[in-house]
Amino acid sequence: MPTGRGEPVGQKRHTNIAVVRMKKAGFRFEVACYKNTVMAYRSGAETDVDEVLQSKYVYTNISKGIFAPLDDIKAAFGTDDQEAVCLMILKSGEYQVSDKERASKQTSLFRDICTVLCSKTVNPDTNRPYPFAVVEQSLRDAHFNVDVTKAAKLQALQVALPLLQNKGVRIERAKMRVKIKGSTKSSERSQSAELVASLSALTLGDNASDGASAKPASTATSPVPAAGGAVIWEIDPSEFRRIDATCRENGWTIEVLELSVHEQGDEIGGGGPPPAQRSGMARMMERAHLPVPPPPSTVAALDAPVQIVSAPAPPPSVAAPPKPAGGGGGGLTSATAPGVTFQSRDELKAHLKSDWHRVNLKRKSAGLPLLSKEEAEGEALLEEMEREKGLSEFM
């Protein structure tokens, strides 16, 4: 008789399984999915159902391998197509997110929020965006918590940006550049002048009528006339809907030229806060290894015209220092050979390959006094003897 252990035939074992459950019409249904794929499918990142579902059958209990009766499926969903029912359960069923999947989604969403802040905010002092590392570290210092149920742009502009501003960080929403063109048949110059006057009156009128709730004058720059009877205007993005409605009422056309206006240049960020707020912004700049910008007075001094002042000649009583002996005015020196002048580059290269240079370079790095050539060669000999002794003991 065969004594081997009997193995089940025609069974498929489910491994690495994630269960999505649904209760409907008094029945319980389950589908078997691969781990870390359900949320990707629901967000649209994964579109291949075969990469999500382990089996296109509906179960009442996956752990016991019990299939759902077709009568129950049809009574609950109105169809006996199990693949279609699996998709319904996959999209709307209950799913317990694993710890790794939740942490991965929070990390990805946090980075998306930092990216949005970098692209849509600027330092008001320089009108330049902050680096990604600075924004990321500032949000961590502010103990910003990510909400996985809300979009990255919504959290960045409505939660993260006010949080950083309350912490004393010099950051604000970047302005939007639009082009507005009138509908009159007048000349280009008069048409541009009429648009500038109308838009300026619109902004001033709203600010004057709103009272305490009016926006400051810095939220929008003055309209600038452009070619073709149009004007270029940099506005706060929150004002776009109101200005667009005004343009529609007057028959004007509005065109978005740039969503976020950033100053062009090599410098990024800059313009730190006052010393009382240095614990926030300056600390972030230091962690990002960025140069701390000079104070405004220094910037103003740099912009001033340069005056060339000739240096006074030394008094005749001061004698010039004597040249080193044998230097000939063209000798070469080395920091590891004090008091020695080399007559050619070959001599200098030979010194840079010697034990004298190696020993003095090591002592200079350690802050120790330099040695002469004979002392350095003796030091190198001692090191070689100790190295050979260590090798012999090891063998």
Protein backbone atom coordinates (compact mmCIF):
# COMPACT_ATOMS: atom_id res chain seq x y z
CA MET A 1 0.00 0.00 0.00
CA PRO A 2 1.21 3.53 -0.66
CA THR A 3 2.33 5.19 2.53
CA GLY A 4 2.87 8.71 1.15
CA ARG A 5 0.78 11.61 2.35
CA GLY A 6 -2.17 12.42 0.13
CA GLU A 7 -2.15 15.86 -1.52
CA PRO A 8 -5.35 17.62 -2.67
CA VAL A 9 -5.87 17.58 -6.42
CA GLY A 10 -7.41 20.48 -8.36
CA GLN A 11 -6.95 23.06 -5.61
CA LYS A 12 -5.27 26.47 -5.92
CA ARG A 13 -3.72 27.85 -2.77
CA HIS A 14 -4.13 31.60 -2.17
CA THR A 15 -0.98 33.24 -0.82
CA ASN A 16 -0.15 36.91 -0.22
CA ILE A 17 -3.86 37.57 0.00
CA ALA A 18 -5.88 40.71 0.76
CA VAL A 19 -9.63 40.32 1.28
CA VAL A 20 -12.24 42.87 0.16
CA ARG A 21 -15.64 42.29 1.82
CA MET A 22 -19.18 43.49 1.14
CA LYS A 23 -22.52 42.84 2.83
CA LYS A 24 -25.55 43.27 0.59
CA ALA A 25 -29.15 42.02 0.73
CA GLY A 26 -28.35 40.11 3.89
CA PHE A 27 -25.52 38.13 2.27
CA ARG A 28 -21.77 38.32 2.79
CA PHE A 29 -19.42 38.35 -0.20
CA GLU A 30 -15.63 38.37 -0.45
CA VAL A 31 -13.06 38.61 -3.26
CA ALA A 32 -9.39 37.63 -3.11
CA CYS A 33 -6.84 40.30 -4.13
CA TYR A 34 -3.09 40.71 -4.03
CA LYS A 35 -1.68 42.84 -1.23
CA ASN A 36 -0.82 46.49 -1.84
CA THR A 37 -2.84 46.61 -5.07
CA VAL A 38 -6.39 47.51 -4.00
CA MET A 39 -5.69 51.16 -3.20
CA ALA A 40 -3.64 51.54 -6.39
CA TYR A 41 -6.58 50.22 -8.43
CA ARG A 42 -9.07 52.52 -6.71
CA SER A 43 -6.85 55.56 -7.26
CA GLY A 44 -6.38 54.71 -10.94
CA ALA A 45 -2.67 53.95 -10.74
CA GLU A 46 -3.34 50.28 -11.60
CA THR A 47 -5.75 49.52 -14.45
CA ASP A 48 -5.10 45.82 -15.08
CA VAL A 49 -7.63 43.81 -13.05
CA ASP A 50 -5.59 40.62 -13.47
CA GLU A 51 -2.81 42.27 -11.45
CA VAL A 52 -5.26 42.97 -8.61
CA LEU A 53 -7.62 39.97 -8.40
CA GLN A 54 -6.19 36.58 -7.50
CA SER A 55 -9.40 34.84 -8.56
CA LYS A 56 -12.43 36.07 -10.50
CA TYR A 57 -14.81 34.16 -8.25
CA VAL A 58 -16.98 35.45 -5.42
CA TYR A 59 -16.67 33.79 -2.00
CA THR A 60 -18.65 33.82 1.19
CA ASN A 61 -15.56 32.80 3.19
CA ILE A 62 -12.17 32.90 1.52
CA SER A 63 -10.25 31.40 4.45
CA LYS A 64 -12.40 28.23 4.20
CA GLY A 65 -12.64 28.31 0.41
CA ILE A 66 -16.47 28.52 0.30
CA PHE A 67 -17.87 29.96 -2.94
CA ALA A 68 -20.93 32.20 -2.92
CA PRO A 69 -24.05 30.54 -4.42
CA LEU A 70 -25.14 31.98 -7.76
CA ASP A 71 -28.67 32.48 -6.45
CA ASP A 72 -27.37 34.71 -3.65
CA ILE A 73 -25.19 36.67 -6.08
CA LYS A 74 -28.09 37.25 -8.47
CA ALA A 75 -30.43 38.24 -5.64
CA ALA A 76 -27.96 40.79 -4.30
CA PHE A 77 -26.48 42.25 -7.50
CA GLY A 78 -29.11 41.41 -10.14
CA THR A 79 -26.63 39.44 -12.25
CA ASP A 80 -24.74 36.16 -12.03
CA ASP A 81 -21.66 37.46 -13.90
CA GLN A 82 -19.04 36.84 -11.26
CA GLU A 83 -16.35 38.95 -12.94
CA ALA A 84 -18.64 42.00 -12.98
CA VAL A 85 -19.61 41.36 -9.35
CA CYS A 86 -15.91 41.10 -8.41
CA LEU A 87 -15.33 44.56 -9.89
CA MET A 88 -18.29 45.99 -7.93
CA ILE A 89 -16.97 44.53 -4.68
CA LEU A 90 -13.41 45.68 -5.52
CA LYS A 91 -14.54 49.28 -6.05
CA SER A 92 -17.05 49.63 -3.19
CA GLY A 93 -16.24 46.91 -0.68
CA GLU A 94 -14.65 47.22 2.73
CA TYR A 95 -10.88 46.89 2.75
CA GLN A 96 -8.51 47.08 5.69
CA VAL A 97 -5.39 48.89 4.55
CA SER A 98 -2.11 47.34 5.72
CA ASP A 99 0.43 49.33 7.71
CA LYS A 100 3.01 49.37 4.92
CA GLU A 101 0.46 50.45 2.33
CA ARG A 102 -0.83 53.23 4.58
CA ALA A 103 2.71 54.46 5.33
CA SER A 104 3.63 54.38 1.63
CA LYS A 105 0.56 56.41 0.70
CA GLN A 106 1.24 59.00 3.43
CA THR A 107 4.86 59.38 2.31
CA SER A 108 3.88 59.77 -1.33
CA LEU A 109 1.15 62.30 -0.48
CA PHE A 110 3.54 64.28 1.76
CA ARG A 111 6.05 64.58 -1.08
CA ASP A 112 3.28 65.66 -3.46
CA ILE A 113 2.30 68.41 -0.99
CA CYS A 114 5.91 69.62 -0.82
CA THR A 115 6.09 69.63 -4.62
CA VAL A 116 2.94 71.75 -4.86
CA LEU A 117 4.32 74.23 -2.33
CA CYS A 118 7.61 74.50 -4.23
CA SER A 119 5.83 75.21 -7.52
CA LYS A 120 3.09 77.56 -6.27
CA THR A 121 4.75 79.57 -3.49
CA VAL A 122 7.65 82.03 -3.29
CA ASN A 123 9.66 83.98 -0.78
CA PRO A 124 8.06 87.48 -0.82
CA ASP A 125 11.46 89.12 -0.29
CA THR A 126 13.05 87.65 -3.43
CA ASN A 127 10.05 86.26 -5.38
CA ARG A 128 11.93 82.98 -5.77
CA PRO A 129 10.73 79.49 -4.79
CA TYR A 130 12.17 77.58 -1.86
CA PRO A 131 14.04 74.30 -2.48
CA PHE A 132 12.22 71.04 -1.93
CA ALA A 133 14.44 70.12 1.05
CA VAL A 134 13.69 73.40 2.83
CA VAL A 135 9.92 73.02 2.39
CA GLU A 136 10.00 69.39 3.47
CA GLN A 137 12.02 70.10 6.63
CA SER A 138 9.89 73.12 7.56
CA LEU A 139 6.69 71.04 7.36
CA ARG A 140 8.25 68.35 9.55
CA ASP A 141 9.35 70.98 12.07
CA ALA A 142 5.80 72.36 12.07
CA HIS A 143 4.44 68.82 12.79
CA PHE A 144 2.23 68.81 9.70
CA ASN A 145 -0.05 65.76 9.53
CA VAL A 146 -1.13 64.37 6.16
CA ASP A 147 -4.80 63.59 5.54
CA VAL A 148 -4.95 60.69 3.07
CA THR A 149 -8.60 61.47 2.24
CA LYS A 150 -7.85 64.92 0.72
CA ALA A 151 -5.98 65.96 -2.41
CA ALA A 152 -2.38 67.15 -2.23
CA LYS A 153 -3.08 70.59 -3.75
CA LEU A 154 -5.96 71.24 -1.33
CA GLN A 155 -3.84 70.40 1.71
CA ALA A 156 -0.83 72.33 0.42
CA LEU A 157 -2.65 75.63 -0.16
CA GLN A 158 -5.33 75.52 2.55
CA VAL A 159 -3.51 73.77 5.40
CA ALA A 160 0.27 73.62 4.91
CA LEU A 161 0.73 77.19 3.61
CA PRO A 162 -1.15 78.89 6.51
CA LEU A 163 0.64 76.62 8.96
CA LEU A 164 4.07 77.74 7.72
CA GLN A 165 2.99 81.39 7.77
CA ASN A 166 1.81 81.05 11.37
CA LYS A 167 5.22 79.57 12.25
CA GLY A 168 6.95 82.74 11.01
CA VAL A 169 8.19 81.43 7.64
CA ARG A 170 8.42 84.07 4.92
CA ILE A 171 6.30 82.34 2.28
CA GLU A 172 3.27 83.31 0.21
CA ARG A 173 1.32 82.19 -2.83
CA ALA A 174 3.01 83.01 -6.14
CA LYS A 175 1.15 85.48 -8.35
CA MET A 176 -0.55 84.59 -11.63
CA ARG A 177 0.21 86.52 -14.83
CA VAL A 178 -2.77 87.17 -17.11
CA LYS A 179 -3.35 89.10 -20.31
CA ILE A 180 -6.60 91.06 -20.69
CA LYS A 181 -7.78 92.56 -23.95
CA GLY A 182 -10.74 94.89 -24.40
CA SER A 183 -13.49 94.72 -27.00
CA THR A 184 -13.63 98.39 -28.12
CA LYS A 185 -12.69 99.56 -31.61
CA SER A 186 -10.53 102.46 -30.38
CA SER A 187 -6.80 102.74 -30.88
CA GLU A 188 -4.44 100.36 -29.12
CA ARG A 189 -3.02 103.08 -26.86
CA SER A 190 -6.40 104.40 -25.74
CA GLN A 191 -7.76 100.88 -25.36
CA SER A 192 -4.85 99.90 -23.08
CA ALA A 193 -5.30 103.11 -21.07
CA GLU A 194 -9.02 102.38 -20.61
CA LEU A 195 -8.27 98.82 -19.44
CA VAL A 196 -5.63 100.01 -16.98
CA ALA A 197 -8.01 102.59 -15.53
CA SER A 198 -10.91 100.13 -15.30
CA LEU A 199 -8.86 97.36 -13.69
CA SER A 200 -7.18 99.75 -11.25
CA ALA A 201 -10.57 101.18 -10.29
CA LEU A 202 -11.90 97.62 -9.85
CA THR A 203 -9.14 96.74 -7.41
CA LEU A 204 -9.29 100.01 -5.50
CA GLY A 205 -13.07 99.97 -5.33
CA ASP A 206 -13.18 96.45 -3.90
CA ASN A 207 -10.49 97.20 -1.36
CA ALA A 208 -12.23 100.37 -0.29
CA SER A 209 -15.69 98.81 0.03
CA ASP A 210 -14.64 95.67 1.84
CA GLY A 211 -13.24 97.59 4.78
CA ALA A 212 -11.43 95.34 7.24
CA SER A 213 -11.81 92.28 5.02
CA ALA A 214 -10.20 93.94 2.00
CA LYS A 215 -7.06 92.39 0.62
CA PRO A 216 -3.81 94.35 0.88
CA ALA A 217 -2.54 96.25 -2.13
CA SER A 218 0.32 93.73 -2.57
CA THR A 219 -2.03 90.95 -3.71
CA ALA A 220 -1.96 92.36 -7.26
CA THR A 221 0.48 94.56 -9.12
CA SER A 222 -0.57 97.48 -11.29
CA PRO A 223 -1.75 96.53 -14.81
CA VAL A 224 0.91 97.16 -17.47
CA PRO A 225 -0.05 98.15 -21.07
CA ALA A 226 1.03 95.67 -23.75
CA ALA A 227 0.97 95.47 -27.53
CA GLY A 228 -2.30 95.06 -29.34
CA GLY A 229 -4.34 97.16 -26.93
CA ALA A 230 -4.00 94.60 -24.12
CA VAL A 231 -2.65 94.78 -20.57
CA ILE A 232 -0.47 92.38 -18.58
CA TRP A 233 -1.47 91.92 -14.95
CA GLU A 234 0.00 89.89 -12.11
CA ILE A 235 -2.77 88.93 -9.70
CA ASP A 236 -3.30 86.71 -6.70
CA PRO A 237 -4.68 83.32 -7.88
CA SER A 238 -7.58 83.63 -5.43
CA GLU A 239 -8.75 86.74 -7.34
CA PHE A 240 -8.86 85.05 -10.74
CA ARG A 241 -12.54 84.00 -10.60
CA ARG A 242 -13.67 87.49 -9.62
CA ILE A 243 -11.60 89.16 -12.36
CA ASP A 244 -12.71 86.57 -14.91
CA ALA A 245 -16.36 87.29 -14.07
CA THR A 246 -15.72 91.01 -14.52
CA CYS A 247 -14.10 90.40 -17.90
CA ARG A 248 -17.08 88.36 -19.03
CA GLU A 249 -19.49 91.09 -17.97
CA ASN A 250 -17.59 93.76 -19.93
CA GLY A 251 -16.90 91.58 -22.98
CA TRP A 252 -13.14 91.44 -22.38
CA THR A 253 -10.97 88.43 -23.10
CA ILE A 254 -8.61 87.07 -20.45
CA GLU A 255 -5.70 84.73 -21.09
CA VAL A 256 -3.49 83.04 -18.51
CA LEU A 257 0.16 83.54 -19.44
CA GLU A 258 1.79 81.99 -16.39
CA LEU A 259 0.23 80.14 -13.46
CA SER A 260 3.07 80.89 -11.01
CA VAL A 261 5.39 83.85 -11.53
CA HIS A 262 8.89 83.18 -10.19
CA GLU A 263 11.91 85.45 -10.33
CA GLN A 264 14.56 84.09 -12.67
CA GLY A 265 18.09 83.68 -11.32
CA ASP A 266 20.55 81.40 -9.60
CA GLU A 267 19.58 82.27 -6.05
CA ILE A 268 16.77 80.30 -4.46
CA GLY A 269 14.79 81.42 -1.47
CA GLY A 270 16.76 84.02 0.47
CA GLY A 271 15.51 87.00 2.39
CA GLY A 272 15.40 85.57 5.89
CA PRO A 273 13.09 86.80 8.66
CA PRO A 274 14.00 89.17 11.48
CA PRO A 275 16.37 87.88 14.20
CA ALA A 276 13.40 87.15 16.49
CA GLN A 277 12.13 84.60 13.94
CA ARG A 278 15.53 83.15 13.04
CA SER A 279 14.84 79.92 14.92
CA GLY A 280 12.47 78.89 12.12
CA MET A 281 13.68 80.14 8.75
CA ALA A 282 17.44 80.46 9.33
CA ARG A 283 17.54 76.96 10.77
CA MET A 284 15.90 75.61 7.61
CA MET A 285 18.38 77.46 5.39
CA GLU A 286 21.30 76.06 7.38
CA ARG A 287 19.95 72.50 7.17
CA ALA A 288 19.60 72.88 3.39
CA HIS A 289 23.24 74.15 3.22
CA LEU A 290 22.12 77.41 1.61
CA PRO A 291 23.97 80.71 2.12
CA VAL A 292 22.16 83.01 4.51
CA PRO A 293 21.26 86.18 2.54
CA PRO A 294 22.78 89.52 3.59
CA PRO A 295 20.67 92.06 5.47
CA PRO A 296 18.84 94.76 3.46
CA SER A 297 21.46 97.37 4.30
CA THR A 298 24.17 95.22 2.71
CA VAL A 299 22.06 94.69 -0.40
CA ALA A 300 21.56 98.44 -0.70
CA ALA A 301 25.30 98.98 -0.31
CA LEU A 302 25.97 96.47 -3.09
CA ASP A 303 23.63 98.33 -5.42
CA ALA A 304 25.46 101.64 -4.79
CA PRO A 305 27.98 102.82 -7.41
CA VAL A 306 31.49 101.51 -6.86
CA GLN A 307 34.14 104.09 -6.02
CA ILE A 308 37.74 103.22 -6.87
CA VAL A 309 40.14 104.57 -4.25
CA SER A 310 43.87 104.26 -4.81
CA ALA A 311 45.78 102.72 -1.92
CA PRO A 312 48.35 105.03 -0.27
CA ALA A 313 51.97 104.27 -0.99
CA PRO A 314 54.01 102.80 1.91
CA PRO A 315 56.22 105.25 3.78
CA PRO A 316 59.80 105.38 2.57
CA SER A 317 61.11 104.24 5.98
CA VAL A 318 59.49 100.81 5.59
CA ALA A 319 61.84 98.44 3.84
CA ALA A 320 60.60 95.67 1.59
CA PRO A 321 60.94 92.15 3.03
CA PRO A 322 64.04 90.34 1.76
CA LYS A 323 63.63 87.58 -0.79
CA PRO A 324 64.48 84.03 0.28
CA ALA A 325 68.01 82.98 -0.43
CA GLY A 326 68.44 81.18 -3.69
CA GLY A 327 64.91 82.02 -4.75
CA GLY A 328 65.86 84.08 -7.75
CA GLY A 329 62.41 85.66 -7.69
CA GLY A 330 60.83 82.59 -9.33
CA GLY A 331 61.15 79.84 -6.69
CA LEU A 332 58.33 77.47 -5.79
CA THR A 333 57.28 76.70 -2.23
CA SER A 334 55.17 74.06 -0.50
CA ALA A 335 53.17 74.26 2.74
CA THR A 336 54.65 70.93 3.87
CA ALA A 337 58.27 72.09 3.42
CA PRO A 338 58.67 75.18 5.61
CA GLY A 339 61.55 77.48 4.72
CA VAL A 340 62.47 75.61 1.53
CA THR A 341 62.28 77.00 -2.01
CA PHE A 342 62.26 74.67 -5.01
CA GLN A 343 63.98 75.90 -8.15
CA SER A 344 61.91 73.88 -10.63
CA ARG A 345 58.61 72.11 -10.93
CA ASP A 346 60.36 68.73 -11.07
CA GLU A 347 61.83 69.31 -7.61
CA LEU A 348 58.40 70.31 -6.30
CA LYS A 349 56.78 67.20 -7.83
CA ALA A 350 59.47 65.00 -6.28
CA HIS A 351 58.76 66.56 -2.88
CA LEU A 352 55.00 65.98 -3.21
CA LYS A 353 55.75 62.25 -3.71
CA SER A 354 58.14 62.00 -0.72
CA ASP A 355 57.58 60.82 2.86
CA TRP A 356 58.36 64.34 4.05
CA HIS A 357 55.26 65.69 2.32
CA ARG A 358 53.08 62.77 3.44
CA VAL A 359 54.09 63.00 7.12
CA ASN A 360 53.79 66.80 7.33
CA LEU A 361 50.44 66.74 5.52
CA LYS A 362 49.12 64.30 8.12
CA ARG A 363 50.49 66.42 11.00
CA LYS A 364 49.09 69.61 9.49
CA SER A 365 45.61 68.06 9.30
CA ALA A 366 45.90 67.02 12.96
CA GLY A 367 47.07 70.52 14.02
CA LEU A 368 50.60 69.39 14.97
CA PRO A 369 53.85 71.28 14.22
CA LEU A 370 55.64 70.43 10.99
CA LEU A 371 58.90 68.45 10.92
CA SER A 372 62.14 68.94 9.03
CA LYS A 373 63.12 66.57 6.25
CA GLU A 374 65.34 64.39 8.48
CA GLU A 375 62.70 64.22 11.25
CA ALA A 376 59.96 63.35 8.75
CA GLU A 377 62.05 60.56 7.22
CA GLY A 378 62.70 59.15 10.72
CA GLU A 379 58.95 59.33 11.47
CA ALA A 380 58.19 57.48 8.23
CA LEU A 381 60.78 54.80 9.11
CA LEU A 382 59.17 54.24 12.51
CA GLU A 383 55.75 53.89 10.90
CA GLU A 384 57.12 51.32 8.48
CA MET A 385 58.69 49.29 11.31
CA GLU A 386 55.45 49.31 13.29
CA ARG A 387 53.51 48.25 10.20
CA GLU A 388 55.87 45.29 9.59
CA LYS A 389 55.67 44.30 13.25
CA GLY A 390 51.90 44.28 13.12
CA LEU A 391 51.94 42.11 9.99
CA SER A 392 54.30 39.61 11.57
CA GLU A 393 52.10 39.31 14.65
CA PHE A 394 49.05 38.83 12.47
CA MET A 395 50.75 36.04 10.51
